[in-house]
Amino acid sequence: MPTFTSHDVQINYQTFGDASKPALVFSNSLGTNFSMWQPQIDFFQKDFFVVCYDTRGHGASTAPQGPYTLDQLGQDVVNLLDHLNIQKAAFCGISMGGLTGQWLATHAAERFNQVIVCNTAAKIGQEQAWLDRAALVREQGLAPIASTAALRWFTDPFIQSNAAIVAKLSNDLGAGSPEGYASCCEALAKADLREQIKSITVPVLIVAGQQDPVTTVADGKSMQESIANSQLFEINASHISNVEQPDAFNQAVHAFIAA
């Protein structure tokens, strides 16, 4: 797997498709790696140069001691584009990756044609809760988090009928870096873009899961009200909507980019 150095971290990434086609970058959620995007890789690589990467502290990227910041998570993407000589791309991020997308649309708008932010919010959760989770993970590892993750990620019918998919994602979380996960929790604790996103001019698609208990449709509507050039797509899924409803997800993203 190719890697590149972004300041203090080795970022693991993979590209799919023809580099002469429009670039589309995917950014994973907390506790996952870029393999979560397999349904999108399969769908988009015929029309796009698909770029996937493991967020710092995740997957095969390195996990320097944190805390990390949202600025670092966003700058890693800009540095990846520079490394691949991509001047402009579309970006799609989910949950933590959706916050990264909001940062990019605010701070590096000139590098993006469209930004898709999924199952996310301009501020996710409460600062103390994230700090408590970071402390727990540093103390006990990722097993306690991994054992309950599916209940936050998916609806019960999906869990019942897709055991192998759910098990792989849960196992990937459990096998991850506690330091990397905790350090990203600390980035999420401090991240609050509620004022900053009002300045976004890049076209933004907001994907909100109708059954998402973490980042709700109300969160999506709040972002839509703040971002002038945005639209909201509600999807019948929980928090990891690209996996739970891949066909609806892919069609919505494709239509938005094509428009």
C-alpha atoms as a PDB file:
ATOM      1  CA  MET A   1       0.000   0.000   0.000  1.00  0.00           C
ATOM      2  CA  PRO A   2       1.388   3.435  -0.845  1.00  0.00           C
ATOM      3  CA  THR A   3       1.999   5.924   1.938  1.00  0.00           C
ATOM      4  CA  PHE A   4       3.200   9.501   2.148  1.00  0.00           C
ATOM      5  CA  THR A   5       4.400  11.730   4.961  1.00  0.00           C
ATOM      6  CA  SER A   6       2.087  14.492   6.165  1.00  0.00           C
ATOM      7  CA  HIS A   7       4.008  16.384   8.831  1.00  0.00           C
ATOM      8  CA  ASP A   8       4.223  13.930  11.748  1.00  0.00           C
ATOM      9  CA  VAL A   9       2.272  11.008  10.269  1.00  0.00           C
ATOM     10  CA  GLN A  10       2.541   8.391   7.540  1.00  0.00           C
ATOM     11  CA  ILE A  11      -0.788   8.366   5.726  1.00  0.00           C
ATOM     12  CA  ASN A  12      -1.843   5.108   4.090  1.00  0.00           C
ATOM     13  CA  TYR A  13      -3.847   5.606   0.900  1.00  0.00           C
ATOM     14  CA  GLN A  14      -5.000   3.760  -2.198  1.00  0.00           C
ATOM     15  CA  THR A  15      -6.199   4.967  -5.592  1.00  0.00           C
ATOM     16  CA  PHE A  16      -8.627   3.272  -7.958  1.00  0.00           C
ATOM     17  CA  GLY A  17      -9.446   3.943 -11.594  1.00  0.00           C
ATOM     18  CA  ASP A  18      -7.990   6.254 -14.232  1.00  0.00           C
ATOM     19  CA  ALA A  19      -5.938   9.202 -12.945  1.00  0.00           C
ATOM     20  CA  SER A  20      -7.058  11.296 -15.940  1.00  0.00           C
ATOM     21  CA  LYS A  21     -10.679  11.240 -14.705  1.00  0.00           C
ATOM     22  CA  PRO A  22     -12.131  13.625 -12.077  1.00  0.00           C
ATOM     23  CA  ALA A  23     -10.785  12.895  -8.598  1.00  0.00           C
ATOM     24  CA  LEU A  24     -13.097  11.835  -5.764  1.00  0.00           C
ATOM     25  CA  VAL A  25     -11.658  11.533  -2.238  1.00  0.00           C
ATOM     26  CA  PHE A  26     -13.310   9.451   0.515  1.00  0.00           C
ATOM     27  CA  SER A  27     -12.678  10.012   4.251  1.00  0.00           C
ATOM     28  CA  ASN A  28     -13.541   7.392   6.887  1.00  0.00           C
ATOM     29  CA  SER A  29     -15.428   7.640  10.164  1.00  0.00           C
ATOM     30  CA  LEU A  30     -13.997   7.314  13.665  1.00  0.00           C
ATOM     31  CA  GLY A  31     -12.813   3.770  14.355  1.00  0.00           C
ATOM     32  CA  THR A  32     -12.917   2.536  10.754  1.00  0.00           C
ATOM     33  CA  ASN A  33     -10.482   2.474   7.818  1.00  0.00           C
ATOM     34  CA  PHE A  34     -10.829   3.157   4.131  1.00  0.00           C
ATOM     35  CA  SER A  35     -12.182  -0.348   3.435  1.00  0.00           C
ATOM     36  CA  MET A  36     -15.527   0.987   4.742  1.00  0.00           C
ATOM     37  CA  TRP A  37     -15.852   2.628   1.313  1.00  0.00           C
ATOM     38  CA  GLN A  38     -15.728  -0.614  -0.715  1.00  0.00           C
ATOM     39  CA  PRO A  39     -19.302  -0.202  -2.055  1.00  0.00           C
ATOM     40  CA  GLN A  40     -18.331   3.284  -3.254  1.00  0.00           C
ATOM     41  CA  ILE A  41     -14.960   2.185  -4.676  1.00  0.00           C
ATOM     42  CA  ASP A  42     -16.746  -0.476  -6.734  1.00  0.00           C
ATOM     43  CA  PHE A  43     -19.369   1.986  -7.975  1.00  0.00           C
ATOM     44  CA  PHE A  44     -17.350   5.138  -8.663  1.00  0.00           C
ATOM     45  CA  GLN A  45     -14.013   3.924 -10.028  1.00  0.00           C
ATOM     46  CA  LYS A  46     -15.312   3.540 -13.578  1.00  0.00           C
ATOM     47  CA  ASP A  47     -16.124   7.271 -13.821  1.00  0.00           C
ATOM     48  CA  PHE A  48     -13.728   8.799 -11.280  1.00  0.00           C
ATOM     49  CA  PHE A  49     -10.178   8.614 -10.024  1.00  0.00           C
ATOM     50  CA  VAL A  50     -11.096   7.385  -6.541  1.00  0.00           C
ATOM     51  CA  VAL A  51      -8.731   8.250  -3.692  1.00  0.00           C
ATOM     52  CA  CYS A  52      -9.204   6.572  -0.302  1.00  0.00           C
ATOM     53  CA  TYR A  53      -7.025   7.039   2.756  1.00  0.00           C
ATOM     54  CA  ASP A  54      -6.854   6.050   6.395  1.00  0.00           C
ATOM     55  CA  THR A  55      -7.305   9.081   8.653  1.00  0.00           C
ATOM     56  CA  ARG A  56      -4.308   9.622  10.934  1.00  0.00           C
ATOM     57  CA  GLY A  57      -4.407   7.193  13.842  1.00  0.00           C
ATOM     58  CA  HIS A  58      -6.553   4.748  11.833  1.00  0.00           C
ATOM     59  CA  GLY A  59      -6.010   1.687   9.672  1.00  0.00           C
ATOM     60  CA  ALA A  60      -2.477   1.437   8.333  1.00  0.00           C
ATOM     61  CA  SER A  61      -1.703   5.128   8.865  1.00  0.00           C
ATOM     62  CA  THR A  62       0.564   5.814  11.816  1.00  0.00           C
ATOM     63  CA  ALA A  63      -0.755   7.031  15.162  1.00  0.00           C
ATOM     64  CA  PRO A  64       1.593   9.603  16.689  1.00  0.00           C
ATOM     65  CA  GLN A  65       0.746  10.580  20.235  1.00  0.00           C
ATOM     66  CA  GLY A  66      -2.030  13.193  20.309  1.00  0.00           C
ATOM     67  CA  PRO A  67      -4.202  15.013  20.879  1.00  0.00           C
ATOM     68  CA  TYR A  68      -4.905  15.669  17.208  1.00  0.00           C
ATOM     69  CA  THR A  69      -6.805  18.681  15.880  1.00  0.00           C
ATOM     70  CA  LEU A  70      -9.361  19.094  13.102  1.00  0.00           C
ATOM     71  CA  ASP A  71      -6.838  21.392  11.414  1.00  0.00           C
ATOM     72  CA  GLN A  72      -4.434  18.432  11.198  1.00  0.00           C
ATOM     73  CA  LEU A  73      -7.108  16.109   9.829  1.00  0.00           C
ATOM     74  CA  GLY A  74      -7.968  18.634   7.128  1.00  0.00           C
ATOM     75  CA  GLN A  75      -4.382  19.506   6.253  1.00  0.00           C
ATOM     76  CA  ASP A  76      -3.592  15.805   5.800  1.00  0.00           C
ATOM     77  CA  VAL A  77      -6.134  15.772   2.934  1.00  0.00           C
ATOM     78  CA  VAL A  78      -4.666  18.872   1.312  1.00  0.00           C
ATOM     79  CA  ASN A  79      -1.211  17.300   1.586  1.00  0.00           C
ATOM     80  CA  LEU A  80      -2.534  14.087   0.009  1.00  0.00           C
ATOM     81  CA  LEU A  81      -3.885  16.052  -2.954  1.00  0.00           C
ATOM     82  CA  ASP A  82      -0.499  17.762  -3.296  1.00  0.00           C
ATOM     83  CA  HIS A  83       1.285  14.397  -3.114  1.00  0.00           C
ATOM     84  CA  LEU A  84      -0.891  13.045  -5.942  1.00  0.00           C
ATOM     85  CA  ASN A  85      -0.666  16.274  -7.984  1.00  0.00           C
ATOM     86  CA  ILE A  86      -4.441  16.705  -7.852  1.00  0.00           C
ATOM     87  CA  GLN A  87      -5.399  20.352  -8.211  1.00  0.00           C
ATOM     88  CA  LYS A  88      -9.140  19.927  -7.613  1.00  0.00           C
ATOM     89  CA  ALA A  89     -11.309  17.087  -6.399  1.00  0.00           C
ATOM     90  CA  ALA A  90     -14.694  16.182  -5.043  1.00  0.00           C
ATOM     91  CA  PHE A  91     -14.643  15.115  -1.393  1.00  0.00           C
ATOM     92  CA  CYS A  92     -16.933  12.748   0.502  1.00  0.00           C
ATOM     93  CA  GLY A  93     -16.524  12.196   4.234  1.00  0.00           C
ATOM     94  CA  ILE A  94     -18.683  10.450   6.814  1.00  0.00           C
ATOM     95  CA  SER A  95     -19.059  11.318  10.516  1.00  0.00           C
ATOM     96  CA  MET A  96     -15.531  12.432  11.553  1.00  0.00           C
ATOM     97  CA  GLY A  97     -14.718  12.542   7.828  1.00  0.00           C
ATOM     98  CA  GLY A  98     -17.740  14.800   7.380  1.00  0.00           C
ATOM     99  CA  LEU A  99     -16.287  17.254   9.873  1.00  0.00           C
ATOM    100  CA  THR A 100     -13.028  17.094   7.905  1.00  0.00           C
ATOM    101  CA  GLY A 101     -15.067  17.928   4.802  1.00  0.00           C
ATOM    102  CA  GLN A 102     -16.589  20.980   6.457  1.00  0.00           C
ATOM    103  CA  TRP A 103     -13.089  22.148   7.444  1.00  0.00           C
ATOM    104  CA  LEU A 104     -11.895  21.678   3.853  1.00  0.00           C
ATOM    105  CA  ALA A 105     -14.863  23.565   2.420  1.00  0.00           C
ATOM    106  CA  THR A 106     -14.091  26.404   4.823  1.00  0.00           C
ATOM    107  CA  HIS A 107     -10.270  26.506   4.679  1.00  0.00           C
ATOM    108  CA  ALA A 108      -9.317  24.978   1.306  1.00  0.00           C
ATOM    109  CA  ALA A 109     -12.326  25.725  -0.892  1.00  0.00           C
ATOM    110  CA  GLU A 110     -10.172  26.335  -3.966  1.00  0.00           C
ATOM    111  CA  ARG A 111      -9.209  22.632  -4.011  1.00  0.00           C
ATOM    112  CA  PHE A 112     -12.744  21.227  -4.201  1.00  0.00           C
ATOM    113  CA  ASN A 113     -15.491  21.219  -6.814  1.00  0.00           C
ATOM    114  CA  GLN A 114     -18.044  19.666  -4.479  1.00  0.00           C
ATOM    115  CA  VAL A 115     -18.038  18.479  -0.866  1.00  0.00           C
ATOM    116  CA  ILE A 116     -20.336  15.725   0.424  1.00  0.00           C
ATOM    117  CA  VAL A 117     -20.665  15.473   4.221  1.00  0.00           C
ATOM    118  CA  CYS A 118     -22.523  12.451   5.571  1.00  0.00           C
ATOM    119  CA  ASN A 119     -23.919  11.498   8.973  1.00  0.00           C
ATOM    120  CA  THR A 120     -22.167  14.422  10.594  1.00  0.00           C
ATOM    121  CA  ALA A 121     -22.717  17.786  12.279  1.00  0.00           C
ATOM    122  CA  ALA A 122     -20.890  21.084  12.621  1.00  0.00           C
ATOM    123  CA  LYS A 123     -20.306  20.045  16.226  1.00  0.00           C
ATOM    124  CA  ILE A 124     -20.625  16.351  17.088  1.00  0.00           C
ATOM    125  CA  GLY A 125     -21.506  15.521  20.687  1.00  0.00           C
ATOM    126  CA  GLN A 126     -20.180  17.183  23.817  1.00  0.00           C
ATOM    127  CA  GLU A 127     -16.559  17.990  24.633  1.00  0.00           C
ATOM    128  CA  GLN A 128     -16.460  16.207  27.986  1.00  0.00           C
ATOM    129  CA  ALA A 129     -18.017  13.029  26.584  1.00  0.00           C
ATOM    130  CA  TRP A 130     -15.286  12.820  23.928  1.00  0.00           C
ATOM    131  CA  LEU A 131     -12.569  13.441  26.504  1.00  0.00           C
ATOM    132  CA  ASP A 132     -14.055  10.745  28.740  1.00  0.00           C
ATOM    133  CA  ARG A 133     -14.095   8.308  25.835  1.00  0.00           C
ATOM    134  CA  ALA A 134     -10.473   9.128  24.999  1.00  0.00           C
ATOM    135  CA  ALA A 135      -9.473   8.434  28.600  1.00  0.00           C
ATOM    136  CA  LEU A 136     -11.422   5.166  28.625  1.00  0.00           C
ATOM    137  CA  VAL A 137      -9.781   3.936  25.428  1.00  0.00           C
ATOM    138  CA  ARG A 138      -6.285   4.796  26.639  1.00  0.00           C
ATOM    139  CA  GLU A 139      -7.011   2.890  29.847  1.00  0.00           C
ATOM    140  CA  GLN A 140      -8.948  -0.129  28.578  1.00  0.00           C
ATOM    141  CA  GLY A 141      -8.210  -0.327  24.840  1.00  0.00           C
ATOM    142  CA  LEU A 142     -10.797  -0.464  22.072  1.00  0.00           C
ATOM    143  CA  ALA A 143     -12.599  -3.694  22.993  1.00  0.00           C
ATOM    144  CA  PRO A 144     -15.331  -1.996  25.084  1.00  0.00           C
ATOM    145  CA  ILE A 145     -16.040   0.479  22.261  1.00  0.00           C
ATOM    146  CA  ALA A 146     -15.949  -2.190  19.548  1.00  0.00           C
ATOM    147  CA  SER A 147     -18.390  -4.448  21.387  1.00  0.00           C
ATOM    148  CA  THR A 148     -21.200  -1.868  21.180  1.00  0.00           C
ATOM    149  CA  ALA A 149     -20.276   0.001  17.972  1.00  0.00           C
ATOM    150  CA  ALA A 150     -22.745  -1.817  15.714  1.00  0.00           C
ATOM    151  CA  LEU A 151     -25.676  -0.527  17.763  1.00  0.00           C
ATOM    152  CA  ARG A 152     -24.578   3.052  17.028  1.00  0.00           C
ATOM    153  CA  TRP A 153     -23.670   2.366  13.402  1.00  0.00           C
ATOM    154  CA  PHE A 154     -26.584   0.353  11.992  1.00  0.00           C
ATOM    155  CA  THR A 155     -30.289  -0.324  12.360  1.00  0.00           C
ATOM    156  CA  ASP A 156     -31.263  -3.590  13.995  1.00  0.00           C
ATOM    157  CA  PRO A 157     -32.653  -5.177  10.794  1.00  0.00           C
ATOM    158  CA  PHE A 158     -29.343  -4.503   9.023  1.00  0.00           C
ATOM    159  CA  ILE A 159     -27.367  -6.012  11.916  1.00  0.00           C
ATOM    160  CA  GLN A 160     -29.555  -9.121  11.860  1.00  0.00           C
ATOM    161  CA  SER A 161     -29.233  -9.707   8.122  1.00  0.00           C
ATOM    162  CA  ASN A 162     -25.618  -8.605   7.475  1.00  0.00           C
ATOM    163  CA  ALA A 163     -23.619 -10.322  10.209  1.00  0.00           C
ATOM    164  CA  ALA A 164     -20.394 -10.620   8.203  1.00  0.00           C
ATOM    165  CA  ILE A 165     -20.298  -6.928   7.244  1.00  0.00           C
ATOM    166  CA  VAL A 166     -21.045  -5.849  10.820  1.00  0.00           C
ATOM    167  CA  ALA A 167     -18.436  -8.232  12.247  1.00  0.00           C
ATOM    168  CA  LYS A 168     -15.698  -6.964   9.906  1.00  0.00           C
ATOM    169  CA  LEU A 169     -16.279  -3.318  10.800  1.00  0.00           C
ATOM    170  CA  SER A 170     -16.474  -4.112  14.523  1.00  0.00           C
ATOM    171  CA  ASN A 171     -13.314  -6.229  14.320  1.00  0.00           C
ATOM    172  CA  ASP A 172     -11.475  -3.469  12.434  1.00  0.00           C
ATOM    173  CA  LEU A 173     -12.388  -1.073  15.239  1.00  0.00           C
ATOM    174  CA  GLY A 174     -11.202  -3.491  17.919  1.00  0.00           C
ATOM    175  CA  ALA A 175      -7.900  -4.041  16.098  1.00  0.00           C
ATOM    176  CA  GLY A 176      -7.196  -0.326  15.704  1.00  0.00           C
ATOM    177  CA  SER A 177      -4.786   1.933  17.569  1.00  0.00           C
ATOM    178  CA  PRO A 178      -6.121   3.047  20.962  1.00  0.00           C
ATOM    179  CA  GLU A 179      -3.857   6.115  20.837  1.00  0.00           C
ATOM    180  CA  GLY A 180      -5.023   7.030  17.338  1.00  0.00           C
ATOM    181  CA  TYR A 181      -8.684   6.620  18.273  1.00  0.00           C
ATOM    182  CA  ALA A 182      -8.314   8.562  21.523  1.00  0.00           C
ATOM    183  CA  SER A 183      -6.389  11.357  19.808  1.00  0.00           C
ATOM    184  CA  CYS A 184      -9.161  11.705  17.210  1.00  0.00           C
ATOM    185  CA  CYS A 185     -11.727  11.794  20.031  1.00  0.00           C
ATOM    186  CA  GLU A 186      -9.777  14.777  21.366  1.00  0.00           C
ATOM    187  CA  ALA A 187      -9.976  16.446  17.938  1.00  0.00           C
ATOM    188  CA  LEU A 188     -13.748  15.903  17.920  1.00  0.00           C
ATOM    189  CA  ALA A 189     -14.003  17.282  21.459  1.00  0.00           C
ATOM    190  CA  LYS A 190     -12.653  20.649  20.310  1.00  0.00           C
ATOM    191  CA  ALA A 191     -14.151  20.772  16.804  1.00  0.00           C
ATOM    192  CA  ASP A 192     -16.958  23.306  16.490  1.00  0.00           C
ATOM    193  CA  LEU A 193     -17.581  24.727  13.017  1.00  0.00           C
ATOM    194  CA  ARG A 194     -21.063  26.109  13.602  1.00  0.00           C
ATOM    195  CA  GLU A 195     -19.984  29.680  12.850  1.00  0.00           C
ATOM    196  CA  GLN A 196     -17.322  28.878  10.257  1.00  0.00           C
ATOM    197  CA  ILE A 197     -19.569  26.894   7.908  1.00  0.00           C
ATOM    198  CA  LYS A 198     -21.660  30.022   7.286  1.00  0.00           C
ATOM    199  CA  SER A 199     -18.822  31.208   5.019  1.00  0.00           C
ATOM    200  CA  ILE A 200     -18.775  28.094   2.796  1.00  0.00           C
ATOM    201  CA  THR A 201     -19.333  28.789  -0.915  1.00  0.00           C
ATOM    202  CA  VAL A 202     -18.447  25.339  -2.354  1.00  0.00           C
ATOM    203  CA  PRO A 203     -21.512  23.263  -3.339  1.00  0.00           C
ATOM    204  CA  VAL A 204     -22.253  20.935  -0.410  1.00  0.00           C
ATOM    205  CA  LEU A 205     -24.443  17.837  -0.221  1.00  0.00           C
ATOM    206  CA  ILE A 206     -25.481  16.869   3.310  1.00  0.00           C
ATOM    207  CA  VAL A 207     -26.496  13.216   3.730  1.00  0.00           C
ATOM    208  CA  ALA A 208     -28.473  12.588   6.931  1.00  0.00           C
ATOM    209  CA  GLY A 209     -29.585   9.187   8.195  1.00  0.00           C
ATOM    210  CA  GLN A 210     -33.250   9.120   9.172  1.00  0.00           C
ATOM    211  CA  GLN A 211     -32.446   6.534  11.857  1.00  0.00           C
ATOM    212  CA  ASP A 212     -29.072   7.916  12.925  1.00  0.00           C
ATOM    213  CA  PRO A 213     -28.932   8.342  16.730  1.00  0.00           C
ATOM    214  CA  VAL A 214     -25.506  10.035  16.664  1.00  0.00           C
ATOM    215  CA  THR A 215     -25.825  12.802  14.069  1.00  0.00           C
ATOM    216  CA  THR A 216     -29.504  13.369  13.384  1.00  0.00           C
ATOM    217  CA  VAL A 217     -31.568  14.744  10.521  1.00  0.00           C
ATOM    218  CA  ALA A 218     -31.986  17.855  12.699  1.00  0.00           C
ATOM    219  CA  ASP A 219     -28.187  18.239  12.666  1.00  0.00           C
ATOM    220  CA  GLY A 220     -28.269  17.971   8.884  1.00  0.00           C
ATOM    221  CA  LYS A 221     -31.021  20.580   8.590  1.00  0.00           C
ATOM    222  CA  SER A 222     -29.081  22.929  10.855  1.00  0.00           C
ATOM    223  CA  MET A 223     -26.038  22.647   8.591  1.00  0.00           C
ATOM    224  CA  GLN A 224     -28.183  23.191   5.506  1.00  0.00           C
ATOM    225  CA  GLU A 225     -29.557  26.406   6.996  1.00  0.00           C
ATOM    226  CA  SER A 226     -26.002  27.650   7.633  1.00  0.00           C
ATOM    227  CA  ILE A 227     -24.415  26.700   4.284  1.00  0.00           C
ATOM    228  CA  ALA A 228     -25.776  28.818   1.436  1.00  0.00           C
ATOM    229  CA  ASN A 229     -25.011  26.512  -1.493  1.00  0.00           C
ATOM    230  CA  SER A 230     -26.137  23.239   0.104  1.00  0.00           C
ATOM    231  CA  GLN A 231     -28.788  20.592  -0.212  1.00  0.00           C
ATOM    232  CA  LEU A 232     -29.974  17.880   2.161  1.00  0.00           C
ATOM    233  CA  PHE A 233     -30.543  14.235   1.254  1.00  0.00           C
ATOM    234  CA  GLU A 234     -32.259  12.073   3.853  1.00  0.00           C
ATOM    235  CA  ILE A 235     -31.401   8.382   3.678  1.00  0.00           C
ATOM    236  CA  ASN A 236     -33.205   5.509   5.408  1.00  0.00           C
ATOM    237  CA  ALA A 237     -30.214   4.358   7.449  1.00  0.00           C
ATOM    238  CA  SER A 238     -28.404   4.763  10.726  1.00  0.00           C
ATOM    239  CA  HIS A 239     -24.913   6.237  11.192  1.00  0.00           C
ATOM    240  CA  ILE A 240     -22.853   4.349   8.577  1.00  0.00           C
ATOM    241  CA  SER A 241     -25.277   5.036   5.747  1.00  0.00           C
ATOM    242  CA  ASN A 242     -22.863   4.318   2.881  1.00  0.00           C
ATOM    243  CA  VAL A 243     -22.680   0.683   4.042  1.00  0.00           C
ATOM    244  CA  GLU A 244     -26.293   0.251   5.139  1.00  0.00           C
ATOM    245  CA  GLN A 245     -27.845   1.791   1.995  1.00  0.00           C
ATOM    246  CA  PRO A 246     -25.059   1.731  -0.630  1.00  0.00           C
ATOM    247  CA  ASP A 247     -27.288   1.987  -3.707  1.00  0.00           C
ATOM    248  CA  ALA A 248     -29.254   5.011  -2.497  1.00  0.00           C
ATOM    249  CA  PHE A 249     -26.048   6.587  -1.165  1.00  0.00           C
ATOM    250  CA  ASN A 250     -24.133   6.099  -4.412  1.00  0.00           C
ATOM    251  CA  GLN A 251     -26.951   7.408  -6.583  1.00  0.00           C
ATOM    252  CA  ALA A 252     -27.361  10.551  -4.451  1.00  0.00           C
ATOM    253  CA  VAL A 253     -23.633  11.317  -4.461  1.00  0.00           C
ATOM    254  CA  HIS A 254     -23.279  10.612  -8.185  1.00  0.00           C
ATOM    255  CA  ALA A 255     -26.251  12.813  -9.083  1.00  0.00           C
ATOM    256  CA  PHE A 256     -24.898  15.660  -6.966  1.00  0.00           C
ATOM    257  CA  ILE A 257     -21.438  15.549  -8.519  1.00  0.00           C
ATOM    258  CA  ALA A 258     -22.854  15.181 -12.049  1.00  0.00           C
ATOM    259  CA  ALA A 259     -25.082  18.227 -11.586  1.00  0.00           C
END
